[in-house]
């Protein structure tokens, strides 16, 4: 029997940018699972950076509380949320990722000399 391809995504706790309080409240950890070059060009201030492939080895670095997990468009972060939830961590995927975050005009910081941007 074929399954609805959206079925898996519906099982991943997800929030839109509009559903994320501004400013981000204390106790909400932003976990960015993008690669280092993506992080350097623009990320959410105060975010914890753990690339997706390193997450299983660095799980102890994820603080207690709810985690808002982000990547560029939401695919890698959805994978991370699935894994984190299996580990008993309260995690939510940011629908549309950093593309939607930047598109909504939400603040970002950078590690480069230029303005923050999503690459």
Protein backbone atom coordinates (compact mmCIF):
# COMPACT_ATOMS: atom_id res chain seq x y z
CA UNK A 1 0.00 0.00 0.00
CA UNK A 2 1.29 3.48 -0.84
CA UNK A 3 1.54 6.04 1.90
CA UNK A 4 0.91 9.73 1.70
CA UNK A 5 4.37 11.35 1.26
CA UNK A 6 3.26 14.15 3.58
CA UNK A 7 2.41 11.69 6.35
CA UNK A 8 5.96 11.60 7.73
CA UNK A 9 6.19 15.40 7.75
CA UNK A 10 2.91 15.68 9.67
CA UNK A 11 4.46 13.56 12.43
CA UNK A 12 7.30 16.07 12.88
CA UNK A 13 6.35 18.89 15.28
CA UNK A 14 6.55 22.03 13.13
CA UNK A 15 6.04 25.77 13.57
CA UNK A 16 6.00 28.64 11.08
CA UNK A 17 8.08 31.78 11.55
CA UNK A 18 4.88 33.62 12.53
CA UNK A 19 4.47 31.14 15.39
CA UNK A 20 7.91 31.92 16.87
CA UNK A 21 7.79 34.73 19.45
CA UNK A 22 9.90 37.81 18.77
CA UNK A 23 12.10 38.14 20.69
CA UNK A 24 12.82 34.47 21.28
CA UNK A 25 11.89 33.72 24.90
CA UNK A 26 14.31 32.44 27.52
CA UNK A 27 14.17 28.69 27.72
CA UNK A 28 13.71 28.24 23.95
CA UNK A 29 16.94 26.92 22.45
CA UNK A 30 17.51 27.59 18.76
CA UNK A 31 19.47 24.68 17.28
CA UNK A 32 20.97 25.33 13.84
CA UNK A 33 21.89 22.09 12.03
CA UNK A 34 23.36 23.66 8.88
CA UNK A 35 26.94 23.27 7.71
CA UNK A 36 29.63 25.68 9.02
CA UNK A 37 29.78 27.79 5.83
CA UNK A 38 26.01 28.35 5.98
CA UNK A 39 26.23 29.28 9.67
CA UNK A 40 29.05 31.79 9.07
CA UNK A 41 27.04 33.80 6.56
CA UNK A 42 23.96 34.23 8.73
CA UNK A 43 22.25 32.69 11.74
CA UNK A 44 19.88 33.50 14.57
CA UNK A 45 21.69 35.29 17.38
CA UNK A 46 22.26 33.00 20.37
CA UNK A 47 21.64 29.83 18.35
CA UNK A 48 23.52 26.64 19.12
CA UNK A 49 25.34 25.33 16.03
CA UNK A 50 25.55 21.56 15.66
CA UNK A 51 25.66 20.35 12.03
CA UNK A 52 23.16 17.54 11.38
CA UNK A 53 25.78 14.81 10.91
CA UNK A 54 27.39 15.70 14.27
CA UNK A 55 24.14 15.72 16.24
CA UNK A 56 24.22 12.09 17.48
CA UNK A 57 27.75 12.62 18.83
CA UNK A 58 26.98 16.00 20.41
CA UNK A 59 23.51 15.31 21.79
CA UNK A 60 24.71 16.10 25.31
CA UNK A 61 25.27 19.72 24.20
CA UNK A 62 21.55 20.29 23.58
CA UNK A 63 20.25 22.03 26.72
CA UNK A 64 17.07 21.08 28.53
CA UNK A 65 13.89 22.81 27.40
CA UNK A 66 12.26 23.15 24.03
CA UNK A 67 14.47 23.33 20.95
CA UNK A 68 13.54 25.20 17.77
CA UNK A 69 15.54 23.41 15.07
CA UNK A 70 16.51 25.28 11.89
CA UNK A 71 18.31 24.65 8.62
CA UNK A 72 18.11 26.38 5.23
CA UNK A 73 14.63 25.25 4.14
CA UNK A 74 13.43 22.77 6.77
CA UNK A 75 14.50 19.36 5.46
CA UNK A 76 17.60 18.71 7.56
CA UNK A 77 15.97 20.27 10.60
CA UNK A 78 12.96 17.94 10.16
CA UNK A 79 15.36 14.97 10.22
CA UNK A 80 17.01 16.40 13.34
CA UNK A 81 13.65 16.92 15.06
CA UNK A 82 12.64 13.33 14.31
CA UNK A 83 15.87 12.12 15.91
CA UNK A 84 15.65 14.48 18.90
CA UNK A 85 12.04 13.50 19.64
CA UNK A 86 13.10 9.82 19.60
CA UNK A 87 15.73 10.76 22.20
CA UNK A 88 13.06 12.32 24.42
CA UNK A 89 13.90 15.95 23.59
CA UNK A 90 11.11 18.48 23.05
CA UNK A 91 12.00 19.73 19.57
CA UNK A 92 10.10 21.64 16.88
CA UNK A 93 11.05 22.15 13.22
CA UNK A 94 11.02 25.66 11.71
CA UNK A 95 8.92 25.34 8.55
CA UNK A 96 10.76 26.98 5.66
CA UNK A 97 13.95 27.30 7.68
CA UNK A 98 16.28 30.26 7.50
CA UNK A 99 14.89 31.21 4.08
CA UNK A 100 11.51 31.97 5.68
CA UNK A 101 13.18 33.52 8.76
CA UNK A 102 15.13 35.98 6.60
CA UNK A 103 12.13 36.55 4.33
CA UNK A 104 10.08 37.57 7.36
CA UNK A 105 12.72 40.17 8.26
CA UNK A 106 13.63 38.40 11.50
CA UNK A 107 17.06 39.36 12.91
CA UNK A 108 20.22 37.48 12.00
CA UNK A 109 23.90 37.85 12.76
CA UNK A 110 26.96 36.84 10.76
CA UNK A 111 30.55 35.72 11.27
CA UNK A 112 31.66 37.48 8.07
CA UNK A 113 32.31 41.13 7.19
CA UNK A 114 29.19 41.41 5.03
CA UNK A 115 25.54 41.63 6.03
CA UNK A 116 23.89 38.43 7.28
CA UNK A 117 22.38 36.27 4.55
CA UNK A 118 21.20 32.73 3.95
CA UNK A 119 23.45 30.67 1.66
